[in-house]
Amino acid sequence: MGGRSPDRHVPAGQQDSPDRLLIPEKLYGRDREIEKLLASFDRVIKGGSPELVLVAGYSGIGKSSVVNELHKVLVPPRGLFASGKFDQYKRDIPYSTLAQAFQSLTRGLLAKSEADLATWRAALLEALAPTDGS
């Protein structure tokens, strides 16, 4: 007789094959790049001086994946995250990448509670208020 041994119990579905390809959401071989970006974030938190981080490289090498990995780590516990992506078809639009980053930041702010939004509104009004020339 073939088949399995009657005393071997396997939970239902544990040895089934999936009906679609499942790709893990883990990045491989990007530890150094992620460490550099996290170090930049930590410098900003500790020193208070803002930093702009640009991620460059050939098309398709995973730049967006690295940035999205940081987004998952940094945003929930520590704050807001803005990112923009260069689009070769919009290269004639000045500052389109920065505009995209500010749009993503604005969407993040608008998703906050009214109390949190009021705090940000006050801080932005103070920072952007015209200075008196006297």
N, C-alpha and C. Protein backbone atom coordinates (compact mmCIF):
# COMPACT_ATOMS: atom_id res chain seq x y z
N MET A 1 0.83 -1.17 0.00
CA MET A 1 0.00 0.00 0.00
C MET A 1 0.88 1.24 0.00
N GLY A 2 0.50 2.23 -0.79
CA GLY A 2 1.22 3.50 -0.84
C GLY A 2 0.56 4.51 0.06
N GLY A 3 1.07 5.71 0.01
CA GLY A 3 0.45 6.79 0.78
C GLY A 3 1.24 7.11 2.02
N ARG A 4 0.63 7.90 2.85
CA ARG A 4 1.29 8.36 4.07
C ARG A 4 1.06 7.41 5.21
N SER A 5 1.95 7.50 6.15
CA SER A 5 1.82 6.72 7.37
C SER A 5 0.62 7.23 8.14
N PRO A 6 -0.23 6.34 8.66
CA PRO A 6 -1.44 6.78 9.35
C PRO A 6 -1.16 7.56 10.63
N ASP A 7 0.02 7.42 11.23
CA ASP A 7 0.28 8.13 12.48
C ASP A 7 0.93 9.51 12.25
N ARG A 8 1.11 9.91 11.01
CA ARG A 8 1.70 11.22 10.71
C ARG A 8 0.56 12.21 10.45
N HIS A 9 0.49 13.25 11.28
CA HIS A 9 -0.57 14.24 11.15
C HIS A 9 0.00 15.53 10.59
N VAL A 10 -0.60 16.01 9.52
CA VAL A 10 -0.20 17.26 8.89
C VAL A 10 -1.42 18.18 8.89
N PRO A 11 -1.29 19.40 9.42
CA PRO A 11 -2.43 20.33 9.39
C PRO A 11 -2.90 20.55 7.96
N ALA A 12 -4.19 20.66 7.79
CA ALA A 12 -4.78 20.83 6.47
C ALA A 12 -4.22 22.05 5.77
N GLY A 13 -3.84 21.89 4.52
CA GLY A 13 -3.36 22.99 3.69
C GLY A 13 -1.90 23.33 3.84
N GLN A 14 -1.19 22.74 4.79
CA GLN A 14 0.19 23.12 5.05
C GLN A 14 1.12 22.70 3.91
N GLN A 15 0.82 21.63 3.22
CA GLN A 15 1.69 21.18 2.14
C GLN A 15 1.11 21.47 0.77
N ASP A 16 0.03 22.25 0.70
CA ASP A 16 -0.58 22.61 -0.58
C ASP A 16 0.33 23.59 -1.32
N SER A 17 0.29 23.54 -2.64
CA SER A 17 1.03 24.50 -3.46
C SER A 17 0.14 25.71 -3.69
N PRO A 18 0.70 26.94 -3.63
CA PRO A 18 -0.12 28.13 -3.88
C PRO A 18 -0.58 28.17 -5.32
N ASP A 19 -1.72 28.79 -5.57
CA ASP A 19 -2.25 28.88 -6.92
C ASP A 19 -1.69 30.06 -7.70
N ARG A 20 -0.82 30.86 -7.08
CA ARG A 20 -0.17 31.98 -7.76
C ARG A 20 1.24 32.15 -7.21
N LEU A 21 2.07 32.86 -7.97
CA LEU A 21 3.45 33.11 -7.57
C LEU A 21 3.46 34.11 -6.43
N LEU A 22 4.11 33.77 -5.34
CA LEU A 22 4.24 34.66 -4.19
C LEU A 22 5.68 35.13 -4.09
N ILE A 23 5.88 36.45 -4.20
CA ILE A 23 7.22 37.02 -4.13
C ILE A 23 7.38 37.68 -2.78
N PRO A 24 8.41 37.32 -2.02
CA PRO A 24 8.60 37.94 -0.70
C PRO A 24 8.85 39.43 -0.85
N GLU A 25 8.42 40.20 0.15
CA GLU A 25 8.57 41.64 0.12
C GLU A 25 9.83 42.09 0.84
N LYS A 26 10.84 41.27 0.86
CA LYS A 26 12.09 41.60 1.53
C LYS A 26 13.12 42.03 0.51
N LEU A 27 13.88 43.06 0.85
CA LEU A 27 14.96 43.50 -0.01
C LEU A 27 16.22 42.72 0.32
N TYR A 28 16.94 42.32 -0.71
CA TYR A 28 18.19 41.59 -0.52
C TYR A 28 19.33 42.41 -1.10
N GLY A 29 20.43 42.46 -0.39
CA GLY A 29 21.62 43.13 -0.89
C GLY A 29 21.56 44.65 -0.84
N ARG A 30 20.67 45.22 -0.07
CA ARG A 30 20.55 46.68 0.02
C ARG A 30 20.81 47.20 1.42
N ASP A 31 21.40 46.40 2.25
CA ASP A 31 21.64 46.80 3.64
C ASP A 31 22.48 48.06 3.75
N ARG A 32 23.52 48.17 2.93
CA ARG A 32 24.42 49.32 3.00
C ARG A 32 23.68 50.62 2.65
N GLU A 33 22.87 50.58 1.58
CA GLU A 33 22.13 51.76 1.15
C GLU A 33 21.10 52.17 2.21
N ILE A 34 20.41 51.19 2.75
CA ILE A 34 19.40 51.48 3.78
C ILE A 34 20.06 52.04 5.03
N GLU A 35 21.23 51.51 5.41
CA GLU A 35 21.95 52.03 6.57
C GLU A 35 22.34 53.49 6.37
N LYS A 36 22.78 53.84 5.15
CA LYS A 36 23.16 55.23 4.87
C LYS A 36 21.96 56.16 4.99
N LEU A 37 20.83 55.74 4.47
CA LEU A 37 19.64 56.58 4.54
C LEU A 37 19.13 56.71 5.98
N LEU A 38 19.18 55.62 6.74
CA LEU A 38 18.78 55.69 8.15
C LEU A 38 19.73 56.57 8.95
N ALA A 39 21.03 56.52 8.61
CA ALA A 39 22.01 57.37 9.30
C ALA A 39 21.70 58.85 9.03
N SER A 40 21.30 59.17 7.81
CA SER A 40 20.92 60.54 7.49
C SER A 40 19.72 60.96 8.32
N PHE A 41 18.74 60.09 8.42
CA PHE A 41 17.55 60.39 9.22
C PHE A 41 17.92 60.61 10.68
N ASP A 42 18.79 59.76 11.22
CA ASP A 42 19.20 59.90 12.62
C ASP A 42 19.96 61.21 12.86
N ARG A 43 20.80 61.63 11.87
CA ARG A 43 21.51 62.91 12.01
C ARG A 43 20.51 64.06 12.09
N VAL A 44 19.47 64.01 11.29
CA VAL A 44 18.46 65.07 11.31
C VAL A 44 17.76 65.10 12.66
N ILE A 45 17.40 63.93 13.16
CA ILE A 45 16.71 63.85 14.45
C ILE A 45 17.59 64.38 15.58
N LYS A 46 18.87 63.99 15.57
CA LYS A 46 19.77 64.39 16.65
C LYS A 46 20.23 65.84 16.54
N GLY A 47 20.53 66.29 15.31
CA GLY A 47 21.10 67.62 15.14
C GLY A 47 20.10 68.68 14.75
N GLY A 48 18.97 68.29 14.21
CA GLY A 48 17.96 69.26 13.83
C GLY A 48 18.18 69.92 12.50
N SER A 49 19.34 69.74 11.88
CA SER A 49 19.59 70.34 10.57
C SER A 49 18.95 69.48 9.48
N PRO A 50 18.17 70.09 8.60
CA PRO A 50 17.53 69.28 7.54
C PRO A 50 18.55 68.76 6.54
N GLU A 51 18.23 67.65 5.94
CA GLU A 51 19.06 67.06 4.90
C GLU A 51 18.17 66.65 3.74
N LEU A 52 18.70 66.78 2.54
CA LEU A 52 18.04 66.29 1.34
C LEU A 52 18.84 65.09 0.87
N VAL A 53 18.19 63.97 0.69
CA VAL A 53 18.86 62.76 0.26
C VAL A 53 18.36 62.41 -1.13
N LEU A 54 19.27 62.27 -2.06
CA LEU A 54 18.93 61.88 -3.42
C LEU A 54 19.40 60.46 -3.66
N VAL A 55 18.55 59.66 -4.25
CA VAL A 55 18.89 58.28 -4.57
C VAL A 55 18.97 58.19 -6.09
N ALA A 56 20.14 57.85 -6.59
CA ALA A 56 20.35 57.82 -8.04
C ALA A 56 20.78 56.43 -8.49
N GLY A 57 20.56 56.16 -9.75
CA GLY A 57 20.98 54.89 -10.32
C GLY A 57 20.21 54.60 -11.60
N TYR A 58 20.61 53.54 -12.26
CA TYR A 58 19.97 53.16 -13.51
C TYR A 58 18.53 52.71 -13.29
N SER A 59 17.75 52.79 -14.33
CA SER A 59 16.35 52.38 -14.29
C SER A 59 16.24 50.89 -13.94
N GLY A 60 15.33 50.59 -13.02
CA GLY A 60 15.05 49.19 -12.71
C GLY A 60 15.94 48.53 -11.68
N ILE A 61 16.82 49.30 -11.00
CA ILE A 61 17.72 48.65 -10.04
C ILE A 61 17.17 48.61 -8.62
N GLY A 62 15.98 49.20 -8.41
CA GLY A 62 15.34 49.09 -7.11
C GLY A 62 15.43 50.30 -6.22
N LYS A 63 15.63 51.47 -6.82
CA LYS A 63 15.71 52.70 -6.01
C LYS A 63 14.40 52.94 -5.26
N SER A 64 13.30 52.81 -5.95
CA SER A 64 11.99 53.02 -5.31
C SER A 64 11.74 51.99 -4.22
N SER A 65 12.20 50.78 -4.41
CA SER A 65 12.03 49.74 -3.40
C SER A 65 12.78 50.09 -2.13
N VAL A 66 13.99 50.63 -2.27
CA VAL A 66 14.78 51.03 -1.10
C VAL A 66 14.07 52.16 -0.36
N VAL A 67 13.59 53.15 -1.09
CA VAL A 67 12.90 54.29 -0.47
C VAL A 67 11.61 53.81 0.21
N ASN A 68 10.87 52.94 -0.45
CA ASN A 68 9.63 52.42 0.15
C ASN A 68 9.90 51.59 1.39
N GLU A 69 11.02 50.90 1.43
CA GLU A 69 11.40 50.13 2.62
C GLU A 69 11.60 51.09 3.80
N LEU A 70 12.24 52.23 3.55
CA LEU A 70 12.45 53.22 4.61
C LEU A 70 11.12 53.82 5.04
N HIS A 71 10.25 54.04 4.09
CA HIS A 71 8.94 54.61 4.41
C HIS A 71 8.22 53.73 5.42
N LYS A 72 8.28 52.42 5.24
CA LYS A 72 7.63 51.49 6.17
C LYS A 72 8.22 51.57 7.56
N VAL A 73 9.54 51.76 7.64
CA VAL A 73 10.23 51.77 8.93
C VAL A 73 10.06 53.10 9.66
N LEU A 74 10.14 54.21 8.94
CA LEU A 74 10.21 55.52 9.57
C LEU A 74 8.87 56.18 9.86
N VAL A 75 7.93 56.06 8.96
CA VAL A 75 6.71 56.85 9.09
C VAL A 75 5.85 56.49 10.29
N PRO A 76 5.45 55.23 10.48
CA PRO A 76 4.53 54.98 11.59
C PRO A 76 5.02 55.48 12.95
N PRO A 77 6.26 55.18 13.35
CA PRO A 77 6.63 55.60 14.70
C PRO A 77 7.15 57.03 14.79
N ARG A 78 7.67 57.60 13.71
CA ARG A 78 8.47 58.80 13.89
C ARG A 78 8.05 60.03 13.11
N GLY A 79 7.13 59.97 12.19
CA GLY A 79 6.79 61.23 11.54
C GLY A 79 6.30 61.10 10.12
N LEU A 80 6.56 62.16 9.36
CA LEU A 80 6.09 62.26 7.99
C LEU A 80 7.22 61.92 7.03
N PHE A 81 6.84 61.53 5.85
CA PHE A 81 7.81 61.10 4.85
C PHE A 81 7.39 61.66 3.50
N ALA A 82 8.29 62.31 2.81
CA ALA A 82 8.00 62.84 1.48
C ALA A 82 8.99 62.24 0.49
N SER A 83 8.50 61.84 -0.65
CA SER A 83 9.39 61.35 -1.70
C SER A 83 8.82 61.73 -3.05
N GLY A 84 9.70 61.95 -3.98
CA GLY A 84 9.32 62.23 -5.35
C GLY A 84 10.18 61.40 -6.27
N LYS A 85 9.66 61.12 -7.44
CA LYS A 85 10.37 60.26 -8.38
C LYS A 85 10.53 61.00 -9.69
N PHE A 86 11.73 61.00 -10.22
CA PHE A 86 11.98 61.64 -11.51
C PHE A 86 11.24 60.88 -12.59
N ASP A 87 10.51 61.60 -13.42
CA ASP A 87 9.79 61.00 -14.54
C ASP A 87 10.38 61.57 -15.82
N GLN A 88 10.96 60.72 -16.63
CA GLN A 88 11.61 61.21 -17.84
C GLN A 88 10.66 61.92 -18.79
N TYR A 89 9.37 61.63 -18.69
CA TYR A 89 8.40 62.28 -19.56
C TYR A 89 7.94 63.64 -19.02
N LYS A 90 8.36 63.98 -17.81
CA LYS A 90 8.02 65.28 -17.23
C LYS A 90 9.28 66.12 -17.00
N ARG A 91 10.35 65.79 -17.68
CA ARG A 91 11.60 66.51 -17.43
C ARG A 91 11.54 67.96 -17.89
N ASP A 92 10.56 68.32 -18.72
CA ASP A 92 10.42 69.70 -19.15
C ASP A 92 9.64 70.54 -18.15
N ILE A 93 9.13 69.92 -17.08
CA ILE A 93 8.40 70.64 -16.03
C ILE A 93 9.38 70.92 -14.90
N PRO A 94 9.71 72.20 -14.68
CA PRO A 94 10.69 72.52 -13.64
C PRO A 94 10.24 72.03 -12.26
N TYR A 95 11.16 71.44 -11.55
CA TYR A 95 10.95 71.01 -10.16
C TYR A 95 9.80 70.02 -9.99
N SER A 96 9.48 69.25 -11.01
CA SER A 96 8.35 68.32 -10.90
C SER A 96 8.57 67.26 -9.83
N THR A 97 9.81 66.84 -9.64
CA THR A 97 10.10 65.83 -8.62
C THR A 97 9.89 66.41 -7.22
N LEU A 98 10.33 67.64 -7.00
CA LEU A 98 10.11 68.28 -5.70
C LEU A 98 8.63 68.54 -5.47
N ALA A 99 7.91 68.94 -6.52
CA ALA A 99 6.47 69.16 -6.39
C ALA A 99 5.77 67.86 -6.00
N GLN A 100 6.20 66.76 -6.60
CA GLN A 100 5.62 65.45 -6.27
C GLN A 100 5.90 65.10 -4.81
N ALA A 101 7.10 65.40 -4.35
CA ALA A 101 7.44 65.12 -2.94
C ALA A 101 6.56 65.94 -2.00
N PHE A 102 6.37 67.21 -2.32
CA PHE A 102 5.51 68.05 -1.47
C PHE A 102 4.05 67.61 -1.52
N GLN A 103 3.60 67.12 -2.67
CA GLN A 103 2.24 66.59 -2.76
C GLN A 103 2.07 65.39 -1.84
N SER A 104 3.07 64.49 -1.82
CA SER A 104 2.96 63.31 -0.95
C SER A 104 2.99 63.73 0.51
N LEU A 105 3.77 64.75 0.84
CA LEU A 105 3.81 65.26 2.21
C LEU A 105 2.47 65.87 2.60
N THR A 106 1.88 66.64 1.70
CA THR A 106 0.59 67.26 1.96
C THR A 106 -0.50 66.21 2.17
N ARG A 107 -0.49 65.18 1.36
CA ARG A 107 -1.48 64.11 1.53
C ARG A 107 -1.32 63.44 2.91
N GLY A 108 -0.09 63.25 3.33
CA GLY A 108 0.15 62.68 4.66
C GLY A 108 -0.38 63.56 5.77
N LEU A 109 -0.20 64.86 5.60
CA LEU A 109 -0.70 65.80 6.61
C LEU A 109 -2.22 65.81 6.65
N LEU A 110 -2.85 65.81 5.48
CA LEU A 110 -4.31 65.88 5.42
C LEU A 110 -4.98 64.61 5.94
N ALA A 111 -4.23 63.53 6.04
CA ALA A 111 -4.79 62.28 6.57
C ALA A 111 -4.77 62.25 8.10
N LYS A 112 -4.15 63.24 8.71
CA LYS A 112 -4.05 63.28 10.17
C LYS A 112 -5.34 63.81 10.80
N SER A 113 -5.45 63.66 12.09
CA SER A 113 -6.62 64.16 12.82
C SER A 113 -6.64 65.69 12.78
N GLU A 114 -7.78 66.26 13.09
CA GLU A 114 -7.90 67.73 13.07
C GLU A 114 -6.96 68.37 14.08
N ALA A 115 -6.76 67.74 15.25
CA ALA A 115 -5.85 68.29 16.26
C ALA A 115 -4.41 68.28 15.76
N ASP A 116 -3.99 67.18 15.16
CA ASP A 116 -2.63 67.11 14.61
C ASP A 116 -2.46 68.10 13.46
N LEU A 117 -3.49 68.18 12.64
CA LEU A 117 -3.44 69.09 11.50
C LEU A 117 -3.33 70.55 11.97
N ALA A 118 -4.02 70.90 13.05
CA ALA A 118 -3.96 72.27 13.58
C ALA A 118 -2.54 72.60 14.04
N THR A 119 -1.86 71.63 14.65
CA THR A 119 -0.48 71.85 15.09
C THR A 119 0.43 72.11 13.89
N TRP A 120 0.27 71.29 12.85
CA TRP A 120 1.08 71.47 11.64
C TRP A 120 0.74 72.79 10.95
N ARG A 121 -0.53 73.14 10.92
CA ARG A 121 -0.96 74.39 10.28
C ARG A 121 -0.28 75.57 10.97
N ALA A 122 -0.29 75.58 12.29
CA ALA A 122 0.33 76.68 13.04
C ALA A 122 1.84 76.75 12.78
N ALA A 123 2.49 75.59 12.77
CA ALA A 123 3.93 75.56 12.52
C ALA A 123 4.27 76.04 11.11
N LEU A 124 3.46 75.63 10.13
CA LEU A 124 3.71 76.06 8.75
C LEU A 124 3.46 77.55 8.58
N LEU A 125 2.39 78.06 9.19
CA LEU A 125 2.12 79.49 9.10
C LEU A 125 3.24 80.31 9.71
N GLU A 126 3.77 79.85 10.82
CA GLU A 126 4.89 80.56 11.45
C GLU A 126 6.13 80.51 10.58
N ALA A 127 6.43 79.34 10.03
CA ALA A 127 7.64 79.18 9.21
C ALA A 127 7.54 79.94 7.90
N LEU A 128 6.35 80.03 7.33
CA LEU A 128 6.17 80.65 6.02
C LEU A 128 5.70 82.09 6.07
N ALA A 129 5.52 82.63 7.26
CA ALA A 129 5.04 84.01 7.39
C ALA A 129 6.08 84.97 6.82
N PRO A 130 5.58 86.01 6.14
CA PRO A 130 6.54 87.00 5.62
C PRO A 130 7.25 87.70 6.77
N THR A 131 8.52 87.95 6.57
CA THR A 131 9.29 88.62 7.61
C THR A 131 9.17 90.12 7.42
N ASP A 132 9.19 90.83 8.51
CA ASP A 132 9.11 92.30 8.48
C ASP A 132 10.51 92.81 8.13
N GLY A 133 10.58 93.62 7.12
CA GLY A 133 11.86 94.12 6.64
C GLY A 133 12.49 95.18 7.51
N SER A 134 11.85 95.59 8.61
CA SER A 134 12.43 96.66 9.43
C SER A 134 13.40 96.15 10.44
